PDB file of N, CA and C in Angstrom:
ATOM      1  N   MET A   1      59.506 105.233 -44.970  1.00  0.00           N
ATOM      2  CA  MET A   1      59.815 106.355 -46.048  1.00  0.00           C
ATOM      3  C   MET A   1      60.388 107.571 -45.820  1.00  0.00           C
ATOM      4  N   THR A   2      60.175 108.124 -44.504  1.00  0.00           N
ATOM      5  CA  THR A   2      60.742 109.177 -44.580  1.00  0.00           C
ATOM      6  C   THR A   2      62.536 108.971 -44.448  1.00  0.00           C
ATOM      7  N   ILE A   3      62.847 107.912 -43.824  1.00  0.00           N
ATOM      8  CA  ILE A   3      64.243 107.849 -43.630  1.00  0.00           C
ATOM      9  C   ILE A   3      64.714 107.375 -44.838  1.00  0.00           C
ATOM     10  N   ILE A   4      64.029 106.941 -45.985  1.00  0.00           N
ATOM     11  CA  ILE A   4      64.912 106.939 -47.252  1.00  0.00           C
ATOM     12  C   ILE A   4      64.757 108.045 -48.079  1.00  0.00           C
ATOM     13  N   ALA A   5      63.731 109.068 -47.940  1.00  0.00           N
ATOM     14  CA  ALA A   5      63.812 110.350 -48.449  1.00  0.00           C
ATOM     15  C   ALA A   5      64.982 111.359 -47.947  1.00  0.00           C
ATOM     16  N   THR A   6      65.384 111.032 -46.528  1.00  0.00           N
ATOM     17  CA  THR A   6      66.053 111.756 -46.113  1.00  0.00           C
ATOM     18  C   THR A   6      67.734 111.489 -46.118  1.00  0.00           C
ATOM     19  N   LEU A   7      67.790 110.052 -46.380  1.00  0.00           N
ATOM     20  CA  LEU A   7      68.827 109.604 -47.169  1.00  0.00           C
ATOM     21  C   LEU A   7      69.419 109.821 -48.341  1.00  0.00           C
ATOM     22  N   VAL A   8      68.288 110.061 -49.285  1.00  0.00           N
ATOM     23  CA  VAL A   8      68.227 110.428 -50.726  1.00  0.00           C
ATOM     24  C   VAL A   8      68.845 112.049 -50.849  1.00  0.00           C
ATOM     25  N   VAL A   9      67.993 112.620 -50.030  1.00  0.00           N
ATOM     26  CA  VAL A   9      68.332 114.242 -49.991  1.00  0.00           C
ATOM     27  C   VAL A   9      69.978 114.620 -49.694  1.00  0.00           C
ATOM     28  N   VAL A  10      70.402 113.862 -48.620  1.00  0.00           N
ATOM     29  CA  VAL A  10      71.777 114.178 -47.904  1.00  0.00           C
ATOM     30  C   VAL A  10      72.784 113.428 -48.849  1.00  0.00           C
ATOM     31  N   TRP A  11      72.548 112.172 -49.500  1.00  0.00           N
ATOM     32  CA  TRP A  11      73.132 111.980 -50.580  1.00  0.00           C
ATOM     33  C   TRP A  11      73.434 112.833 -51.919  1.00  0.00           C
ATOM     34  N   LEU A  12      72.164 113.430 -52.157  1.00  0.00           N
ATOM     35  CA  LEU A  12      72.355 114.500 -53.219  1.00  0.00           C
ATOM     36  C   LEU A  12      72.911 115.634 -52.604  1.00  0.00           C
ATOM     37  N   PHE A  13      73.051 116.118 -51.628  1.00  0.00           N
ATOM     38  CA  PHE A  13      73.714 117.273 -50.727  1.00  0.00           C
ATOM     39  C   PHE A  13      75.419 116.717 -51.230  1.00  0.00           C
ATOM     40  N   PHE A  14      75.996 115.909 -50.832  1.00  0.00           N
ATOM     41  CA  PHE A  14      77.182 115.807 -50.615  1.00  0.00           C
ATOM     42  C   PHE A  14      77.674 115.301 -52.168  1.00  0.00           C
ATOM     43  N   ALA A  15      76.686 114.698 -52.963  1.00  0.00           N
ATOM     44  CA  ALA A  15      77.209 114.750 -54.619  1.00  0.00           C
ATOM     45  C   ALA A  15      77.193 116.091 -55.324  1.00  0.00           C
ATOM     46  N   ALA A  16      76.532 117.015 -54.997  1.00  0.00           N
ATOM     47  CA  ALA A  16      76.553 118.370 -55.521  1.00  0.00           C
ATOM     48  C   ALA A  16      78.014 119.125 -54.709  1.00  0.00           C
ATOM     49  N   LEU A  17      78.372 118.698 -53.375  1.00  0.00           N
ATOM     50  CA  LEU A  17      79.498 119.496 -53.015  1.00  0.00           C
ATOM     51  C   LEU A  17      80.808 118.887 -53.352  1.00  0.00           C
ATOM     52  N   PHE A  18      80.693 117.328 -53.575  1.00  0.00           N
ATOM     53  CA  PHE A  18      81.846 116.741 -54.161  1.00  0.00           C
ATOM     54  C   PHE A  18      81.924 117.333 -55.596  1.00  0.00           C
ATOM     55  N   GLY A  19      80.976 117.544 -56.707  1.00  0.00           N
ATOM     56  CA  GLY A  19      81.092 117.728 -57.948  1.00  0.00           C
ATOM     57  C   GLY A  19      81.756 119.397 -58.180  1.00  0.00           C
ATOM     58  N   TRP A  20      81.460 119.893 -56.940  1.00  0.00           N
ATOM     59  CA  TRP A  20      81.563 121.415 -57.178  1.00  0.00           C
ATOM     60  C   TRP A  20      82.981 121.556 -56.501  1.00  0.00           C
ATOM     61  N   ARG A  21      84.003 120.739 -55.710  1.00  0.00           N
ATOM     62  CA  ARG A  21      85.043 120.564 -55.271  1.00  0.00           C
ATOM     63  C   ARG A  21      85.875 120.139 -56.287  1.00  0.00           C
ATOM     64  N   LEU A  22      85.328 119.285 -57.146  1.00  0.00           N
ATOM     65  CA  LEU A  22      85.831 118.701 -58.247  1.00  0.00           C
ATOM     66  C   LEU A  22      86.193 119.678 -59.528  1.00  0.00           C
ATOM     67  N   ALA A  23      85.248 120.241 -59.432  1.00  0.00           N
ATOM     68  CA  ALA A  23      85.328 121.459 -60.702  1.00  0.00           C
ATOM     69  C   ALA A  23      86.284 122.386 -60.567  1.00  0.00           C
ATOM     70  N   LEU A  24      86.657 122.853 -59.196  1.00  0.00           N
ATOM     71  CA  LEU A  24      87.459 123.806 -58.571  1.00  0.00           C
ATOM     72  C   LEU A  24      88.842 123.306 -58.507  1.00  0.00           C
ATOM     73  N   GLU A  25      88.948 121.812 -58.336  1.00  0.00           N
ATOM     74  CA  GLU A  25      90.096 121.438 -58.453  1.00  0.00           C
ATOM     75  C   GLU A  25      90.887 121.242 -59.786  1.00  0.00           C
ATOM     76  N   ARG A  26      89.814 121.422 -60.448  1.00  0.00           N
ATOM     77  CA  ARG A  26      90.518 121.611 -62.152  1.00  0.00           C
ATOM     78  C   ARG A  26      91.339 122.603 -62.489  1.00  0.00           C
ATOM     79  N   GLY A  27      91.091 123.508 -61.760  1.00  0.00           N
ATOM     80  CA  GLY A  27      92.190 124.842 -61.706  1.00  0.00           C
ATOM     81  C   GLY A  27      90.884 125.905 -62.638  1.00  0.00           C
ATOM     82  N   GLY A  28      89.841 125.606 -62.701  1.00  0.00           N
ATOM     83  CA  GLY A  28      88.851 126.425 -63.565  1.00  0.00           C
ATOM     84  C   GLY A  28      88.174 127.425 -62.744  1.00  0.00           C
ATOM     85  N   GLY A  29      88.659 127.494 -61.673  1.00  0.00           N
ATOM     86  CA  GLY A  29      87.589 128.496 -60.565  1.00  0.00           C
ATOM     87  C   GLY A  29      86.271 128.518 -60.687  1.00  0.00           C
ATOM     88  N   MET A  30      85.831 129.228 -60.035  1.00  0.00           N
ATOM     89  CA  MET A  30      84.207 129.517 -59.938  1.00  0.00           C
ATOM     90  C   MET A  30      83.402 129.463 -61.365  1.00  0.00           C
ATOM     91  N   ARG A  31      83.897 129.702 -62.138  1.00  0.00           N
ATOM     92  CA  ARG A  31      83.446 129.563 -63.841  1.00  0.00           C
ATOM     93  C   ARG A  31      83.335 127.971 -64.018  1.00  0.00           C
ATOM     94  N   ASP A  32      84.246 127.173 -63.836  1.00  0.00           N
ATOM     95  CA  ASP A  32      84.119 126.020 -64.177  1.00  0.00           C
ATOM     96  C   ASP A  32      83.181 125.420 -63.414  1.00  0.00           C
ATOM     97  N   ALA A  33      83.103 125.467 -62.106  1.00  0.00           N
ATOM     98  CA  ALA A  33      81.832 125.254 -61.420  1.00  0.00           C
ATOM     99  C   ALA A  33      80.580 125.136 -61.808  1.00  0.00           C
ATOM    100  N   SER A  34      80.381 124.139 -62.520  1.00  0.00           N
ATOM    101  CA  SER A  34      78.707 124.235 -63.452  1.00  0.00           C
ATOM    102  C   SER A  34      77.769 124.888 -62.918  1.00  0.00           C
ATOM    103  N   LEU A  35      76.787 125.341 -63.546  1.00  0.00           N
ATOM    104  CA  LEU A  35      75.365 125.689 -62.882  1.00  0.00           C
ATOM    105  C   LEU A  35      74.678 124.599 -62.780  1.00  0.00           C
ATOM    106  N   LYS A  36      74.547 123.437 -63.044  1.00  0.00           N
ATOM    107  CA  LYS A  36      73.987 122.459 -62.820  1.00  0.00           C
ATOM    108  C   LYS A  36      74.469 122.070 -61.055  1.00  0.00           C
ATOM    109  N   VAL A  37      75.527 122.010 -60.531  1.00  0.00           N
ATOM    110  CA  VAL A  37      75.857 121.790 -59.469  1.00  0.00           C
ATOM    111  C   VAL A  37      74.960 123.067 -58.566  1.00  0.00           C
ATOM    112  N   TRP A  38      75.012 124.575 -58.413  1.00  0.00           N
ATOM    113  CA  TRP A  38      74.544 125.331 -57.909  1.00  0.00           C
ATOM    114  C   TRP A  38      72.973 125.274 -58.199  1.00  0.00           C
ATOM    115  N   LEU A  39      72.421 124.491 -59.423  1.00  0.00           N
ATOM    116  CA  LEU A  39      70.944 124.325 -59.100  1.00  0.00           C
ATOM    117  C   LEU A  39      70.423 123.135 -58.202  1.00  0.00           C
ATOM    118  N   LYS A  40      71.803 122.070 -58.298  1.00  0.00           N
ATOM    119  CA  LYS A  40      71.192 121.417 -57.300  1.00  0.00           C
ATOM    120  C   LYS A  40      71.318 121.664 -55.693  1.00  0.00           C
ATOM    121  N   LEU A  41      72.053 122.687 -55.645  1.00  0.00           N
ATOM    122  CA  LEU A  41      72.123 123.198 -53.914  1.00  0.00           C
ATOM    123  C   LEU A  41      70.800 123.997 -53.752  1.00  0.00           C
ATOM    124  N   VAL A  42      70.337 124.819 -54.642  1.00  0.00           N
ATOM    125  CA  VAL A  42      69.222 125.553 -54.793  1.00  0.00           C
ATOM    126  C   VAL A  42      68.444 124.494 -54.444  1.00  0.00           C
ATOM    127  N   ALA A  43      67.864 123.469 -55.643  1.00  0.00           N
ATOM    128  CA  ALA A  43      66.829 123.084 -55.211  1.00  0.00           C
ATOM    129  C   ALA A  43      67.061 121.965 -53.985  1.00  0.00           C
ATOM    130  N   LEU A  44      68.195 121.543 -53.444  1.00  0.00           N
ATOM    131  CA  LEU A  44      67.917 120.805 -52.156  1.00  0.00           C
ATOM    132  C   LEU A  44      67.671 121.900 -50.882  1.00  0.00           C
ATOM    133  N   SER A  45      68.138 123.131 -51.131  1.00  0.00           N
ATOM    134  CA  SER A  45      67.630 123.983 -50.251  1.00  0.00           C
ATOM    135  C   SER A  45      65.804 124.140 -49.959  1.00  0.00           C
ATOM    136  N   LEU A  46      65.652 124.039 -51.276  1.00  0.00           N
ATOM    137  CA  LEU A  46      64.072 123.769 -51.079  1.00  0.00           C
ATOM    138  C   LEU A  46      63.075 122.832 -50.746  1.00  0.00           C
ATOM    139  N   LEU A  47      64.098 121.464 -50.940  1.00  0.00           N
ATOM    140  CA  LEU A  47      63.587 120.412 -50.495  1.00  0.00           C
ATOM    141  C   LEU A  47      63.432 120.056 -48.738  1.00  0.00           C
ATOM    142  N   TRP A  48      64.454 120.676 -48.198  1.00  0.00           N
ATOM    143  CA  TRP A  48      64.409 120.695 -46.652  1.00  0.00           C
ATOM    144  C   TRP A  48      62.880 121.191 -46.096  1.00  0.00           C
ATOM    145  N   PRO A  49      62.487 122.373 -46.342  1.00  0.00           N
ATOM    146  CA  PRO A  49      60.958 122.502 -46.161  1.00  0.00           C
ATOM    147  C   PRO A  49      59.982 121.971 -46.390  1.00  0.00           C
ATOM    148  N   VAL A  50      59.914 121.075 -47.698  1.00  0.00           N
ATOM    149  CA  VAL A  50      59.062 120.375 -48.066  1.00  0.00           C
ATOM    150  C   VAL A  50      58.866 119.178 -47.379  1.00  0.00           C
ATOM    151  N   GLY A  51      60.419 118.670 -47.390  1.00  0.00           N
ATOM    152  CA  GLY A  51      60.246 117.212 -46.445  1.00  0.00           C
ATOM    153  C   GLY A  51      59.848 117.415 -44.985  1.00  0.00           C
ATOM    154  N   CYS A  52      59.941 118.490 -44.489  1.00  0.00           N
ATOM    155  CA  CYS A  52      59.600 118.647 -42.952  1.00  0.00           C
ATOM    156  C   CYS A  52      58.000 118.757 -42.666  1.00  0.00           C
ATOM    157  N   LEU A  53      57.578 119.809 -44.019  1.00  0.00           N
ATOM    158  CA  LEU A  53      56.238 119.621 -44.227  1.00  0.00           C
ATOM    159  C   LEU A  53      55.367 118.323 -44.162  1.00  0.00           C
ATOM    160  N   LEU A  54      56.060 117.570 -45.072  1.00  0.00           N
ATOM    161  CA  LEU A  54      55.492 116.023 -45.392  1.00  0.00           C
ATOM    162  C   LEU A  54      55.454 115.542 -43.987  1.00  0.00           C
ATOM    163  N   VAL A  55      56.852 115.568 -43.160  1.00  0.00           N
ATOM    164  CA  VAL A  55      56.846 114.544 -41.789  1.00  0.00           C
ATOM    165  C   VAL A  55      55.653 115.069 -41.096  1.00  0.00           C
ATOM    166  N   LEU A  56      55.351 116.322 -40.856  1.00  0.00           N
ATOM    167  CA  LEU A  56      54.473 116.955 -40.013  1.00  0.00           C
ATOM    168  C   LEU A  56      53.240 116.807 -40.248  1.00  0.00           C
ATOM    169  N   LEU A  57      52.899 116.281 -41.537  1.00  0.00           N
ATOM    170  CA  LEU A  57      51.493 116.108 -42.180  1.00  0.00           C
ATOM    171  C   LEU A  57      51.544 114.822 -41.776  1.00  0.00           C
ATOM    172  N   GLN A  58      52.402 113.913 -42.205  1.00  0.00           N
ATOM    173  CA  GLN A  58      52.220 112.238 -41.517  1.00  0.00           C
ATOM    174  C   GLN A  58      51.958 112.225 -39.934  1.00  0.00           C
ATOM    175  N   ARG A  59      52.440 112.869 -39.238  1.00  0.00           N
ATOM    176  CA  ARG A  59      52.362 112.760 -38.063  1.00  0.00           C
ATOM    177  C   ARG A  59      50.976 113.009 -37.290  1.00  0.00           C
ATOM    178  N   ARG A  60      50.413 114.003 -38.150  1.00  0.00           N
ATOM    179  CA  ARG A  60      49.001 114.623 -37.947  1.00  0.00           C
ATOM    180  C   ARG A  60      48.189 113.147 -37.842  1.00  0.00           C
ATOM    181  N   LYS A  61      48.237 112.617 -38.686  1.00  0.00           N
ATOM    182  CA  LYS A  61      47.193 111.514 -39.223  1.00  0.00           C
ATOM    183  C   LYS A  61      47.159 110.638 -38.101  1.00  0.00           C
TER     184      LYS A  61
END
């Protein structure tokens, strides 16, 4: 279960980075890099501590 969750989080992180790079390559600069990409990055940065806590709780059982 934790392996699947880790793979999903890593996939979302690289998808967000790829979308941001694609927006910058279009020539729109930072304004064209959509807010959704930044929101994904913020959400991912919040998911790591939650994932670590879940792993620690499962190991205690």
